[in-house]
Amino acid sequence: MTEFTCKQEQKLILPFIKDTMDDGTKRLFLSHLEHCDSCLEELSIQFLVTTGMQRLENGDAFDLNRELGERIATERKHLHMLGSVESALVGLEAISLLLSLLIFLIVVI
C-alpha cells in the first residue's frame, strides 16, 4: 500500500465527508491524517463548512469538532474490525487448504 500525497488527500476530503469512499481508500486516507496536521486541518475546515452550513439551514444544534473526531474514530474502528475479519478468513482458508491436503494424502496413501 502506498501513502497519499497531500494533493491526493485533499481531493478525497469531500468523498470522506459524504461517506462515498471505499474501505481501501479510506484506510489510506485515515493513515495520511495520522501524520499530516495540514490535511487534518483542511478536513476540519471543509467538514465545518459543509456540515455546518447544512445544520444552520436546518436550525440544528451542533458541535462539529466533536462530531468529526467521532467520525474519524468510528471509521478507524470499522477498518480495524474489517482487517480482523479479513485476517480470520485468511487463517480459515489456510486451515481449509491444510485439511484438504491431509485428506488427499490419506486417500492416496
N, C-alpha and C. Protein backbone atom coordinates (compact mmCIF):
# COMPACT_ATOMS: atom_id res chain seq x y z
N MET A 1 0.83 -1.17 0.00
CA MET A 1 0.00 0.00 0.00
C MET A 1 0.88 1.24 0.00
N THR A 2 0.57 2.19 -0.83
CA THR A 2 1.33 3.43 -0.86
C THR A 2 0.56 4.51 -0.14
N GLU A 3 1.29 5.50 0.31
CA GLU A 3 0.68 6.64 1.01
C GLU A 3 0.18 7.66 -0.01
N PHE A 4 -0.80 8.44 0.39
CA PHE A 4 -1.28 9.54 -0.44
C PHE A 4 -0.40 10.76 -0.24
N THR A 5 -0.27 11.56 -1.29
CA THR A 5 0.33 12.88 -1.15
C THR A 5 -0.75 13.81 -0.60
N CYS A 6 -0.34 14.97 -0.12
CA CYS A 6 -1.32 15.93 0.40
C CYS A 6 -2.32 16.34 -0.70
N LYS A 7 -1.83 16.48 -1.92
CA LYS A 7 -2.72 16.86 -3.03
C LYS A 7 -3.79 15.79 -3.26
N GLN A 8 -3.37 14.52 -3.26
CA GLN A 8 -4.33 13.42 -3.43
C GLN A 8 -5.30 13.38 -2.25
N GLU A 9 -4.77 13.57 -1.06
CA GLU A 9 -5.58 13.53 0.16
C GLU A 9 -6.67 14.59 0.13
N GLN A 10 -6.29 15.79 -0.28
CA GLN A 10 -7.26 16.88 -0.26
C GLN A 10 -8.36 16.70 -1.29
N LYS A 11 -8.08 15.98 -2.37
CA LYS A 11 -9.12 15.67 -3.35
C LYS A 11 -10.14 14.67 -2.79
N LEU A 12 -9.74 13.94 -1.76
CA LEU A 12 -10.62 12.91 -1.19
C LEU A 12 -11.40 13.38 0.03
N ILE A 13 -11.21 14.62 0.42
CA ILE A 13 -11.89 15.11 1.62
C ILE A 13 -13.41 15.08 1.45
N LEU A 14 -13.90 15.59 0.34
CA LEU A 14 -15.35 15.61 0.13
C LEU A 14 -15.95 14.20 0.07
N PRO A 15 -15.33 13.25 -0.66
CA PRO A 15 -15.87 11.89 -0.61
C PRO A 15 -15.87 11.30 0.81
N PHE A 16 -14.87 11.65 1.63
CA PHE A 16 -14.87 11.19 3.02
C PHE A 16 -16.04 11.81 3.78
N ILE A 17 -16.23 13.10 3.63
CA ILE A 17 -17.32 13.78 4.33
C ILE A 17 -18.67 13.21 3.90
N LYS A 18 -18.83 12.94 2.61
CA LYS A 18 -20.09 12.41 2.09
C LYS A 18 -20.22 10.89 2.29
N ASP A 19 -19.18 10.25 2.83
CA ASP A 19 -19.15 8.81 3.09
C ASP A 19 -19.38 8.00 1.81
N THR A 20 -18.66 8.38 0.76
CA THR A 20 -18.76 7.67 -0.52
C THR A 20 -17.43 6.99 -0.89
N MET A 21 -16.56 6.84 0.09
CA MET A 21 -15.22 6.31 -0.14
C MET A 21 -15.18 4.81 0.16
N ASP A 22 -14.49 4.04 -0.68
CA ASP A 22 -14.36 2.61 -0.41
C ASP A 22 -13.39 2.39 0.76
N ASP A 23 -13.43 1.20 1.34
CA ASP A 23 -12.64 0.92 2.54
C ASP A 23 -11.13 1.02 2.32
N GLY A 24 -10.65 0.56 1.18
CA GLY A 24 -9.21 0.63 0.91
C GLY A 24 -8.72 2.07 0.84
N THR A 25 -9.46 2.90 0.14
CA THR A 25 -9.11 4.32 0.03
C THR A 25 -9.22 4.99 1.39
N LYS A 26 -10.27 4.63 2.14
CA LYS A 26 -10.48 5.21 3.47
C LYS A 26 -9.31 4.87 4.39
N ARG A 27 -8.80 3.65 4.28
CA ARG A 27 -7.66 3.23 5.11
C ARG A 27 -6.44 4.12 4.82
N LEU A 28 -6.15 4.35 3.54
CA LEU A 28 -5.03 5.22 3.17
C LEU A 28 -5.28 6.66 3.58
N PHE A 29 -6.50 7.11 3.41
CA PHE A 29 -6.88 8.48 3.77
C PHE A 29 -6.64 8.72 5.26
N LEU A 30 -7.15 7.82 6.11
CA LEU A 30 -7.00 7.98 7.56
C LEU A 30 -5.55 7.82 7.99
N SER A 31 -4.81 6.96 7.31
CA SER A 31 -3.39 6.78 7.62
C SER A 31 -2.62 8.08 7.38
N HIS A 32 -2.93 8.75 6.28
CA HIS A 32 -2.27 10.03 5.97
C HIS A 32 -2.59 11.07 7.05
N LEU A 33 -3.83 11.08 7.51
CA LEU A 33 -4.24 12.07 8.52
C LEU A 33 -3.48 11.90 9.84
N GLU A 34 -3.04 10.66 10.13
CA GLU A 34 -2.34 10.40 11.38
C GLU A 34 -1.03 11.17 11.49
N HIS A 35 -0.41 11.49 10.36
CA HIS A 35 0.87 12.19 10.43
C HIS A 35 0.90 13.51 9.67
N CYS A 36 -0.26 13.98 9.22
CA CYS A 36 -0.28 15.24 8.47
C CYS A 36 -1.29 16.21 9.08
N ASP A 37 -0.79 17.09 9.91
CA ASP A 37 -1.66 18.08 10.56
C ASP A 37 -2.30 19.03 9.56
N SER A 38 -1.61 19.31 8.47
CA SER A 38 -2.13 20.22 7.45
C SER A 38 -3.39 19.65 6.80
N CYS A 39 -3.35 18.38 6.44
CA CYS A 39 -4.53 17.76 5.82
C CYS A 39 -5.65 17.57 6.83
N LEU A 40 -5.31 17.28 8.08
CA LEU A 40 -6.33 17.17 9.12
C LEU A 40 -7.02 18.51 9.33
N GLU A 41 -6.25 19.58 9.28
CA GLU A 41 -6.83 20.91 9.42
C GLU A 41 -7.74 21.23 8.23
N GLU A 42 -7.30 20.86 7.02
CA GLU A 42 -8.13 21.09 5.83
C GLU A 42 -9.42 20.28 5.90
N LEU A 43 -9.34 19.04 6.37
CA LEU A 43 -10.54 18.22 6.57
C LEU A 43 -11.47 18.90 7.56
N SER A 44 -10.92 19.38 8.66
CA SER A 44 -11.74 20.05 9.68
C SER A 44 -12.46 21.26 9.11
N ILE A 45 -11.73 22.06 8.34
CA ILE A 45 -12.33 23.27 7.75
C ILE A 45 -13.46 22.88 6.80
N GLN A 46 -13.19 21.94 5.90
CA GLN A 46 -14.23 21.56 4.93
C GLN A 46 -15.41 20.88 5.62
N PHE A 47 -15.15 20.09 6.65
CA PHE A 47 -16.23 19.46 7.40
C PHE A 47 -17.08 20.52 8.08
N LEU A 48 -16.43 21.50 8.72
CA LEU A 48 -17.16 22.57 9.40
C LEU A 48 -18.02 23.36 8.43
N VAL A 49 -17.45 23.68 7.27
CA VAL A 49 -18.20 24.47 6.29
C VAL A 49 -19.35 23.65 5.70
N THR A 50 -19.04 22.46 5.23
CA THR A 50 -20.06 21.63 4.57
C THR A 50 -21.18 21.24 5.52
N THR A 51 -20.81 20.65 6.64
CA THR A 51 -21.81 20.18 7.59
C THR A 51 -22.43 21.33 8.36
N GLY A 52 -21.62 22.32 8.71
CA GLY A 52 -22.13 23.47 9.46
C GLY A 52 -23.19 24.25 8.71
N MET A 53 -22.97 24.46 7.42
CA MET A 53 -23.95 25.19 6.62
C MET A 53 -25.27 24.43 6.56
N GLN A 54 -25.16 23.13 6.40
CA GLN A 54 -26.36 22.30 6.35
C GLN A 54 -27.13 22.37 7.67
N ARG A 55 -26.40 22.30 8.76
CA ARG A 55 -27.03 22.35 10.08
C ARG A 55 -27.66 23.71 10.35
N LEU A 56 -26.98 24.77 9.94
CA LEU A 56 -27.54 26.11 10.14
C LEU A 56 -28.84 26.27 9.37
N GLU A 57 -28.88 25.74 8.15
CA GLU A 57 -30.10 25.82 7.35
C GLU A 57 -31.24 25.06 8.01
N ASN A 58 -30.91 23.94 8.67
CA ASN A 58 -31.92 23.13 9.34
C ASN A 58 -32.25 23.65 10.74
N GLY A 59 -31.44 24.56 11.25
CA GLY A 59 -31.66 25.07 12.59
C GLY A 59 -31.25 24.11 13.69
N ASP A 60 -30.40 23.12 13.36
CA ASP A 60 -29.97 22.13 14.33
C ASP A 60 -28.81 22.67 15.18
N ALA A 61 -28.74 22.19 16.42
CA ALA A 61 -27.60 22.48 17.28
C ALA A 61 -26.49 21.49 16.93
N PHE A 62 -25.24 21.91 17.12
CA PHE A 62 -24.16 21.02 16.73
C PHE A 62 -22.84 21.38 17.39
N ASP A 63 -21.98 20.36 17.49
CA ASP A 63 -20.59 20.50 17.93
C ASP A 63 -19.77 19.76 16.88
N LEU A 64 -19.42 20.45 15.81
CA LEU A 64 -18.83 19.80 14.65
C LEU A 64 -17.43 19.26 14.91
N ASN A 65 -16.66 19.92 15.75
CA ASN A 65 -15.32 19.39 16.05
C ASN A 65 -15.43 18.03 16.73
N ARG A 66 -16.36 17.90 17.67
CA ARG A 66 -16.58 16.63 18.35
C ARG A 66 -17.09 15.59 17.35
N GLU A 67 -18.03 15.98 16.51
CA GLU A 67 -18.59 15.05 15.52
C GLU A 67 -17.54 14.53 14.55
N LEU A 68 -16.63 15.41 14.10
CA LEU A 68 -15.59 14.98 13.18
C LEU A 68 -14.65 14.00 13.88
N GLY A 69 -14.28 14.30 15.11
CA GLY A 69 -13.43 13.40 15.87
C GLY A 69 -14.07 12.04 16.04
N GLU A 70 -15.37 12.03 16.35
CA GLU A 70 -16.11 10.77 16.50
C GLU A 70 -16.18 10.02 15.17
N ARG A 71 -16.37 10.75 14.08
CA ARG A 71 -16.47 10.13 12.75
C ARG A 71 -15.15 9.45 12.39
N ILE A 72 -14.03 10.15 12.62
CA ILE A 72 -12.72 9.57 12.32
C ILE A 72 -12.48 8.34 13.18
N ALA A 73 -12.81 8.42 14.47
CA ALA A 73 -12.63 7.28 15.38
C ALA A 73 -13.50 6.10 14.94
N THR A 74 -14.73 6.35 14.55
CA THR A 74 -15.64 5.30 14.10
C THR A 74 -15.11 4.63 12.84
N GLU A 75 -14.62 5.42 11.90
CA GLU A 75 -14.09 4.86 10.65
C GLU A 75 -12.85 4.02 10.92
N ARG A 76 -11.99 4.48 11.82
CA ARG A 76 -10.79 3.70 12.17
C ARG A 76 -11.18 2.37 12.82
N LYS A 77 -12.17 2.42 13.71
CA LYS A 77 -12.64 1.21 14.38
C LYS A 77 -13.23 0.24 13.36
N HIS A 78 -14.02 0.76 12.43
CA HIS A 78 -14.62 -0.06 11.38
C HIS A 78 -13.53 -0.76 10.55
N LEU A 79 -12.51 0.00 10.16
CA LEU A 79 -11.43 -0.58 9.34
C LEU A 79 -10.62 -1.59 10.13
N HIS A 80 -10.43 -1.36 11.43
CA HIS A 80 -9.72 -2.31 12.27
C HIS A 80 -10.50 -3.63 12.35
N MET A 81 -11.80 -3.53 12.56
CA MET A 81 -12.63 -4.74 12.63
C MET A 81 -12.63 -5.46 11.29
N LEU A 82 -12.69 -4.72 10.20
CA LEU A 82 -12.65 -5.31 8.87
C LEU A 82 -11.33 -6.04 8.66
N GLY A 83 -10.23 -5.45 9.10
CA GLY A 83 -8.93 -6.09 8.99
C GLY A 83 -8.87 -7.38 9.80
N SER A 84 -9.48 -7.37 10.98
CA SER A 84 -9.51 -8.58 11.81
C SER A 84 -10.30 -9.69 11.14
N VAL A 85 -11.42 -9.35 10.55
CA VAL A 85 -12.24 -10.34 9.84
C VAL A 85 -11.47 -10.89 8.64
N GLU A 86 -10.80 -10.00 7.90
CA GLU A 86 -10.02 -10.46 6.75
C GLU A 86 -8.90 -11.41 7.19
N SER A 87 -8.24 -11.09 8.30
CA SER A 87 -7.18 -11.96 8.82
C SER A 87 -7.74 -13.32 9.22
N ALA A 88 -8.88 -13.31 9.86
CA ALA A 88 -9.51 -14.57 10.27
C ALA A 88 -9.87 -15.41 9.05
N LEU A 89 -10.37 -14.78 8.02
CA LEU A 89 -10.72 -15.51 6.80
C LEU A 89 -9.49 -16.12 6.13
N VAL A 90 -8.39 -15.39 6.14
CA VAL A 90 -7.15 -15.93 5.57
C VAL A 90 -6.71 -17.15 6.38
N GLY A 91 -6.82 -17.06 7.71
CA GLY A 91 -6.48 -18.19 8.57
C GLY A 91 -7.36 -19.39 8.30
N LEU A 92 -8.65 -19.16 8.16
CA LEU A 92 -9.57 -20.27 7.84
C LEU A 92 -9.26 -20.88 6.48
N GLU A 93 -8.90 -20.05 5.54
CA GLU A 93 -8.55 -20.55 4.21
C GLU A 93 -7.30 -21.43 4.29
N ALA A 94 -6.33 -21.02 5.08
CA ALA A 94 -5.10 -21.81 5.24
C ALA A 94 -5.42 -23.16 5.90
N ILE A 95 -6.25 -23.13 6.92
CA ILE A 95 -6.64 -24.38 7.60
C ILE A 95 -7.39 -25.28 6.63
N SER A 96 -8.27 -24.72 5.84
CA SER A 96 -9.02 -25.48 4.85
C SER A 96 -8.09 -26.15 3.84
N LEU A 97 -7.10 -25.40 3.39
CA LEU A 97 -6.14 -25.99 2.44
C LEU A 97 -5.34 -27.11 3.08
N LEU A 98 -4.91 -26.94 4.32
CA LEU A 98 -4.16 -27.98 5.02
C LEU A 98 -5.02 -29.23 5.22
N LEU A 99 -6.28 -29.04 5.60
CA LEU A 99 -7.17 -30.19 5.76
C LEU A 99 -7.40 -30.90 4.44
N SER A 100 -7.55 -30.14 3.37
CA SER A 100 -7.73 -30.75 2.04
C SER A 100 -6.50 -31.55 1.66
N LEU A 101 -5.33 -31.02 1.93
CA LEU A 101 -4.08 -31.73 1.64
C LEU A 101 -3.98 -33.00 2.48
N LEU A 102 -4.34 -32.91 3.75
CA LEU A 102 -4.30 -34.08 4.65
C LEU A 102 -5.27 -35.15 4.15
N ILE A 103 -6.46 -34.78 3.79
CA ILE A 103 -7.45 -35.74 3.28
C ILE A 103 -6.94 -36.37 1.98
N PHE A 104 -6.37 -35.56 1.12
CA PHE A 104 -5.81 -36.08 -0.13
C PHE A 104 -4.72 -37.11 0.16
N LEU A 105 -3.82 -36.79 1.10
CA LEU A 105 -2.73 -37.71 1.43
C LEU A 105 -3.27 -39.00 2.05
N ILE A 106 -4.29 -38.91 2.87
CA ILE A 106 -4.88 -40.09 3.48
C ILE A 106 -5.51 -40.97 2.42
N VAL A 107 -6.22 -40.37 1.48
CA VAL A 107 -6.89 -41.14 0.43
C VAL A 107 -5.87 -41.77 -0.51
N VAL A 108 -4.83 -41.06 -0.88
CA VAL A 108 -3.84 -41.53 -1.84
C VAL A 108 -2.94 -42.59 -1.21
N ILE A 109 -2.59 -42.42 0.04
CA ILE A 109 -1.65 -43.35 0.69
C ILE A 109 -2.44 -44.45 1.27
